[in-house]
Amino acid sequence: MKTILLTGASGFIGQYFVQNYSTKYNIKKFSFLNDDFELLNFEGIDIIVHLSALVHKMGGVTKDEYEHVNVEQTVTLAERAKEFGIKHFIFMSTVKVYGEETNTPYDEESLCFPKDAYGESKLKAEEALQKMSNHDFKISIIRTPIVYGAGVKANIKNLINLVDKVPLLPFGDIENRRSMIYVGNLTYLIDEIVKQYRGGVFLASDDEIYSTKELILLISKVLKRQVYLIKIPFFKKVLKILKPSFHKRLYESLEVNNEWTKRELKLKKIYSIEEGITLTIG
């Protein structure tokens, strides 16, 4: 049985991985917040799965904070792992390294032009890790869109709560395309990368791509709630002025094409979006 050092184990992705793969792997946990980095022991570790990261939060995050957590801690962890002789380092990145919402799907070869400090920090960490990669130290980078599942916070949770409480929503004119990935599909991807001992850049996504409107209708179906989507003149324009970030998430497209990743790793379809949303809502 291989031993994995898992960072970010208290997050919902980490918790899911521990719950579903602890019989397959010996999983040791490490928290940059609660554990003394200087005392980290790599003895017996075969693989590092690095999920820990500083993401967007209320009150804002400074560029220096992103740099410290997402770049410096990541690079230091990888350097020490390489020095100790660990062969495989898996890094959880983000599609934010590509940039913002766009009508052109991103793929594994798309150029990266991050537009915020979070995306910049993740790309900087990616580039530093790739420079460390060699035959004896494989680096695997996984870029994800929105990840959802039981225990998720932020956007998906807010949308579920909105559909659950408000039967009349002014989103009848949304025709975008949004890629997401269910946590069960993401951890399956991690497992396959571990099993196949594969390095490189991989792009994660559910097979189906939904518009925000289609996602709302799916959530209402799972919740068994009747929801009416109506069109309100000027609502979209007013929202863009008053709440530009909210407008972007609701109306604009962010689509990924991960056909290369699926083909290269011979991935099977595990969960559909409908199954994932059903499990998320519980």
Protein backbone atom coordinates (compact mmCIF):
# COMPACT_ATOMS: atom_id res chain seq x y z
CA MET A 1 0.00 0.00 0.00
CA LYS A 2 1.43 3.36 -1.05
CA THR A 3 1.65 6.17 1.49
CA ILE A 4 0.37 9.61 0.51
CA LEU A 5 1.14 12.83 2.33
CA LEU A 6 -2.02 14.91 1.88
CA THR A 7 -2.07 18.64 2.52
CA GLY A 8 -5.38 20.47 2.78
CA ALA A 9 -7.01 17.38 4.29
CA SER A 10 -9.53 19.50 6.23
CA GLY A 11 -10.98 21.00 3.04
CA PHE A 12 -13.94 19.36 1.36
CA ILE A 13 -11.79 17.85 -1.42
CA GLY A 14 -9.30 16.51 1.10
CA GLN A 15 -12.05 15.11 3.33
CA TYR A 16 -13.65 13.35 0.37
CA PHE A 17 -10.31 11.84 -0.65
CA VAL A 18 -9.65 10.55 2.87
CA GLN A 19 -13.16 9.10 3.22
CA ASN A 20 -13.05 7.31 -0.13
CA TYR A 21 -9.42 6.28 -0.54
CA SER A 22 -8.16 5.55 2.99
CA THR A 23 -8.52 1.80 2.38
CA LYS A 24 -6.48 2.04 -0.82
CA TYR A 25 -3.71 4.31 0.45
CA ASN A 26 -2.05 4.98 3.76
CA ILE A 27 -2.87 8.69 4.06
CA LYS A 28 -0.87 11.01 6.30
CA LYS A 29 -2.20 14.54 6.77
CA PHE A 30 -0.34 17.80 7.02
CA SER A 31 -1.72 21.29 7.63
CA PHE A 32 0.34 24.40 6.99
CA LEU A 33 -1.90 26.22 9.46
CA ASN A 34 -1.77 23.79 12.36
CA ASP A 35 1.47 21.83 11.93
CA ASP A 36 5.07 22.98 12.27
CA PHE A 37 6.49 22.89 8.75
CA GLU A 38 10.01 22.48 10.11
CA LEU A 39 9.08 19.20 11.80
CA LEU A 40 7.47 17.58 8.75
CA ASN A 41 8.73 14.00 8.44
CA PHE A 42 8.90 12.48 4.95
CA GLU A 43 9.85 9.03 6.23
CA GLY A 44 7.83 6.36 4.41
CA ILE A 45 6.07 8.83 2.08
CA ASP A 46 5.70 7.75 -1.56
CA ILE A 47 3.58 10.55 -3.02
CA ILE A 48 2.59 14.08 -2.04
CA VAL A 49 -0.88 15.33 -2.98
CA HIS A 50 -0.78 19.06 -2.33
CA LEU A 51 -4.33 20.45 -2.05
CA SER A 52 -3.62 23.18 0.48
CA ALA A 53 -3.97 26.70 -0.91
CA LEU A 54 -5.06 30.22 -0.07
CA VAL A 55 -8.17 31.07 -2.08
CA HIS A 56 -10.50 34.06 -2.29
CA LYS A 57 -12.13 34.96 1.02
CA MET A 58 -14.24 37.67 2.57
CA GLY A 59 -12.18 40.72 3.46
CA GLY A 60 -9.74 40.12 0.64
CA VAL A 61 -6.29 38.60 0.39
CA THR A 62 -3.08 40.51 -0.35
CA LYS A 63 -0.72 39.56 -3.15
CA ASP A 64 1.98 38.84 -0.55
CA GLU A 65 -0.32 36.41 1.25
CA TYR A 66 -1.03 34.54 -1.98
CA GLU A 67 2.70 34.50 -2.72
CA HIS A 68 3.59 33.09 0.70
CA VAL A 69 1.00 30.29 0.82
CA ASN A 70 0.51 29.33 -2.80
CA VAL A 71 4.06 29.78 -4.05
CA GLU A 72 6.62 29.79 -1.25
CA GLN A 73 5.09 27.00 0.84
CA THR A 74 4.43 24.89 -2.26
CA VAL A 75 7.98 25.25 -3.57
CA THR A 76 9.54 24.59 -0.17
CA LEU A 77 7.43 21.46 0.26
CA ALA A 78 8.44 20.20 -3.18
CA GLU A 79 12.14 21.00 -2.66
CA ARG A 80 12.25 19.07 0.59
CA ALA A 81 10.32 16.17 -0.90
CA LYS A 82 12.77 15.98 -3.81
CA GLU A 83 15.76 16.13 -1.47
CA PHE A 84 14.29 13.25 0.53
CA GLY A 85 13.87 11.13 -2.60
CA ILE A 86 10.09 11.21 -2.99
CA LYS A 87 9.25 10.41 -6.61
CA HIS A 88 5.87 12.04 -7.23
CA PHE A 89 4.37 15.44 -6.39
CA ILE A 90 0.76 16.24 -7.36
CA PHE A 91 -0.25 19.90 -7.28
CA MET A 92 -3.84 21.16 -7.34
CA SER A 93 -3.97 24.26 -9.52
CA THR A 94 -6.83 26.15 -11.17
CA VAL A 95 -8.18 27.24 -14.56
CA LYS A 96 -7.65 30.78 -13.25
CA VAL A 97 -4.09 30.44 -14.56
CA TYR A 98 -5.57 30.84 -18.06
CA GLY A 99 -7.37 34.06 -17.24
CA GLU A 100 -11.00 34.99 -16.79
CA GLU A 101 -14.30 34.04 -18.41
CA THR A 102 -14.19 33.60 -22.18
CA ASN A 103 -16.27 32.25 -25.05
CA THR A 104 -13.29 30.20 -26.26
CA PRO A 105 -12.79 26.90 -24.39
CA TYR A 106 -9.47 26.46 -22.59
CA ASP A 107 -7.51 23.26 -23.10
CA GLU A 108 -4.25 21.84 -21.79
CA GLU A 109 -2.21 23.82 -24.34
CA SER A 110 -3.95 27.18 -23.93
CA LEU A 111 -1.66 30.09 -23.11
CA CYS A 112 -1.81 31.34 -19.54
CA PHE A 113 -2.61 34.97 -18.79
CA PRO A 114 -3.95 35.11 -15.21
CA LYS A 115 -5.84 38.27 -14.39
CA ASP A 116 -5.81 38.23 -10.57
CA ALA A 117 -3.32 37.63 -7.77
CA TYR A 118 -4.73 34.17 -7.01
CA GLY A 119 -4.29 32.95 -10.60
CA GLU A 120 -0.85 34.57 -10.78
CA SER A 121 0.29 32.79 -7.62
CA LYS A 122 -0.90 29.41 -8.89
CA LEU A 123 0.84 29.86 -12.24
CA LYS A 124 4.04 30.96 -10.53
CA ALA A 125 3.94 27.82 -8.38
CA GLU A 126 3.30 25.68 -11.49
CA GLU A 127 6.31 27.17 -13.28
CA ALA A 128 8.61 26.66 -10.29
CA LEU A 129 7.49 23.04 -9.90
CA GLN A 130 7.94 22.27 -13.59
CA LYS A 131 11.55 23.45 -13.38
CA MET A 132 12.12 20.88 -10.63
CA SER A 133 10.64 18.01 -12.61
CA ASN A 134 12.93 15.24 -13.88
CA HIS A 135 12.96 11.47 -14.42
CA ASP A 136 13.23 10.82 -10.67
CA PHE A 137 10.77 13.51 -9.52
CA LYS A 138 7.52 13.63 -11.45
CA ILE A 139 5.37 16.73 -11.18
CA SER A 140 1.63 16.42 -11.91
CA ILE A 141 -0.41 19.61 -12.17
CA ILE A 142 -4.22 19.47 -12.14
CA ARG A 143 -6.11 22.57 -13.28
CA THR A 144 -9.71 22.65 -12.10
CA PRO A 145 -12.75 24.82 -12.77
CA ILE A 146 -15.31 25.14 -9.93
CA VAL A 147 -15.27 22.01 -7.77
CA TYR A 148 -18.54 21.02 -6.12
CA GLY A 149 -19.73 18.35 -3.74
CA ALA A 150 -21.10 17.83 -0.22
CA GLY A 151 -19.64 20.48 2.08
CA VAL A 152 -18.76 22.92 -0.69
CA LYS A 153 -19.04 26.60 0.09
CA ALA A 154 -19.28 29.80 -1.97
CA ASN A 155 -20.86 29.88 -5.44
CA ILE A 156 -22.55 26.48 -5.78
CA LYS A 157 -23.80 26.51 -2.21
CA ASN A 158 -25.20 30.02 -2.67
CA LEU A 159 -26.96 28.98 -5.88
CA ILE A 160 -28.50 25.92 -4.20
CA ASN A 161 -29.72 28.07 -1.30
CA LEU A 162 -31.16 30.62 -3.72
CA VAL A 163 -33.11 28.01 -5.69
CA ASP A 164 -34.31 26.43 -2.46
CA LYS A 165 -35.72 29.70 -1.11
CA VAL A 166 -36.72 31.83 -4.11
CA PRO A 167 -39.18 30.37 -6.66
CA LEU A 168 -39.03 33.34 -9.05
CA LEU A 169 -35.60 34.24 -10.46
CA PRO A 170 -34.69 36.87 -13.11
CA PHE A 171 -32.26 34.62 -15.01
CA GLY A 172 -34.37 33.56 -17.97
CA ASP A 173 -32.01 35.08 -20.55
CA ILE A 174 -28.77 33.34 -19.50
CA GLU A 175 -27.21 31.35 -22.36
CA ASN A 176 -23.64 30.79 -21.18
CA ARG A 177 -21.51 27.63 -20.85
CA ARG A 178 -19.81 26.73 -17.55
CA SER A 179 -17.50 23.81 -16.85
CA MET A 180 -17.43 22.31 -13.36
CA ILE A 181 -16.18 19.13 -11.74
CA TYR A 182 -17.76 16.98 -9.05
CA VAL A 183 -15.36 16.14 -6.23
CA GLY A 184 -15.80 12.41 -6.91
CA ASN A 185 -14.61 12.90 -10.49
CA LEU A 186 -11.68 15.02 -9.33
CA THR A 187 -10.47 12.50 -6.76
CA TYR A 188 -10.85 9.74 -9.37
CA LEU A 189 -8.51 11.78 -11.58
CA ILE A 190 -6.02 12.11 -8.71
CA ASP A 191 -6.19 8.35 -8.13
CA GLU A 192 -5.52 7.60 -11.80
CA ILE A 193 -2.51 9.95 -11.87
CA VAL A 194 -1.14 8.17 -8.80
CA LYS A 195 -1.77 4.69 -10.22
CA GLN A 196 -0.30 5.53 -13.61
CA TYR A 197 2.60 7.53 -12.14
CA ARG A 198 2.03 10.27 -14.70
CA GLY A 199 3.59 13.69 -14.77
CA GLY A 200 2.42 16.70 -16.75
CA VAL A 201 -0.42 19.21 -16.86
CA PHE A 202 -3.93 17.77 -16.67
CA LEU A 203 -7.27 19.53 -17.02
CA ALA A 204 -10.22 18.43 -14.87
CA SER A 205 -13.89 18.71 -15.81
CA ASP A 206 -17.19 16.85 -15.77
CA ASP A 207 -18.13 15.56 -19.22
CA GLU A 208 -21.27 17.73 -19.46
CA ILE A 209 -21.22 21.51 -19.74
CA TYR A 210 -24.24 23.41 -18.40
CA SER A 211 -25.42 26.98 -18.64
CA THR A 212 -26.26 28.72 -15.37
CA LYS A 213 -29.93 28.47 -16.36
CA GLU A 214 -29.68 24.71 -16.97
CA LEU A 215 -27.87 24.29 -13.66
CA ILE A 216 -30.62 26.18 -11.81
CA LEU A 217 -33.26 23.94 -13.40
CA LEU A 218 -31.26 20.83 -12.47
CA ILE A 219 -30.92 22.01 -8.86
CA SER A 220 -34.66 22.71 -8.69
CA LYS A 221 -35.35 19.20 -10.01
CA VAL A 222 -33.13 17.60 -7.36
CA LEU A 223 -34.61 19.80 -4.62
CA LYS A 224 -38.14 19.10 -5.93
CA ARG A 225 -38.75 22.85 -6.00
CA GLN A 226 -40.75 24.65 -8.67
CA VAL A 227 -38.70 27.53 -10.02
CA TYR A 228 -39.69 30.10 -12.62
CA LEU A 229 -37.00 31.83 -14.65
CA ILE A 230 -38.16 35.14 -16.07
CA LYS A 231 -36.62 37.89 -18.17
CA ILE A 232 -36.50 41.38 -16.68
CA PRO A 233 -35.51 44.26 -19.00
CA PHE A 234 -32.22 45.92 -18.01
CA PHE A 235 -31.61 43.49 -15.10
CA LYS A 236 -28.47 42.11 -16.74
CA LYS A 237 -27.07 45.60 -17.42
CA VAL A 238 -27.87 46.88 -13.94
CA LEU A 239 -26.30 43.78 -12.34
CA LYS A 240 -23.14 44.25 -14.39
CA ILE A 241 -22.80 47.80 -13.06
CA LEU A 242 -23.72 47.12 -9.43
CA LYS A 243 -22.31 43.60 -8.97
CA PRO A 244 -19.79 42.92 -11.76
CA SER A 245 -18.27 39.80 -10.18
CA PHE A 246 -21.74 38.30 -9.59
CA HIS A 247 -22.72 39.16 -13.16
CA LYS A 248 -19.59 37.46 -14.49
CA ARG A 249 -20.27 34.20 -12.65
CA LEU A 250 -23.93 34.14 -13.67
CA TYR A 251 -23.83 35.28 -17.30
CA GLU A 252 -20.39 34.71 -18.76
CA SER A 253 -18.85 31.46 -20.03
CA LEU A 254 -15.88 29.54 -18.71
CA GLU A 255 -15.55 26.28 -20.60
CA VAL A 256 -12.69 23.78 -20.67
CA ASN A 257 -11.96 21.05 -23.17
CA ASN A 258 -10.08 18.25 -21.42
CA GLU A 259 -10.28 15.64 -24.19
CA TRP A 260 -6.49 15.22 -24.16
CA THR A 261 -6.45 14.49 -20.43
CA LYS A 262 -9.30 11.98 -20.73
CA ARG A 263 -7.69 10.26 -23.69
CA GLU A 264 -4.15 10.27 -22.27
CA LEU A 265 -5.20 8.80 -18.90
CA LYS A 266 -7.96 6.60 -20.41
CA LEU A 267 -10.47 8.07 -17.95
CA LYS A 268 -13.91 6.54 -17.55
CA LYS A 269 -17.07 8.48 -16.83
CA ILE A 270 -17.76 8.14 -13.11
CA TYR A 271 -20.38 10.75 -12.16
CA SER A 272 -22.61 12.88 -14.37
CA ILE A 273 -23.41 16.46 -13.32
CA GLU A 274 -26.92 15.35 -12.35
CA GLU A 275 -25.48 12.61 -10.12
CA GLY A 276 -22.95 15.04 -8.69
CA ILE A 277 -25.55 17.71 -7.88
CA THR A 278 -27.82 15.06 -6.32
CA LEU A 279 -24.96 13.88 -4.07
CA THR A 280 -24.01 17.48 -3.26
CA ILE A 281 -27.52 18.32 -2.11
CA GLY A 282 -27.84 14.98 -0.34
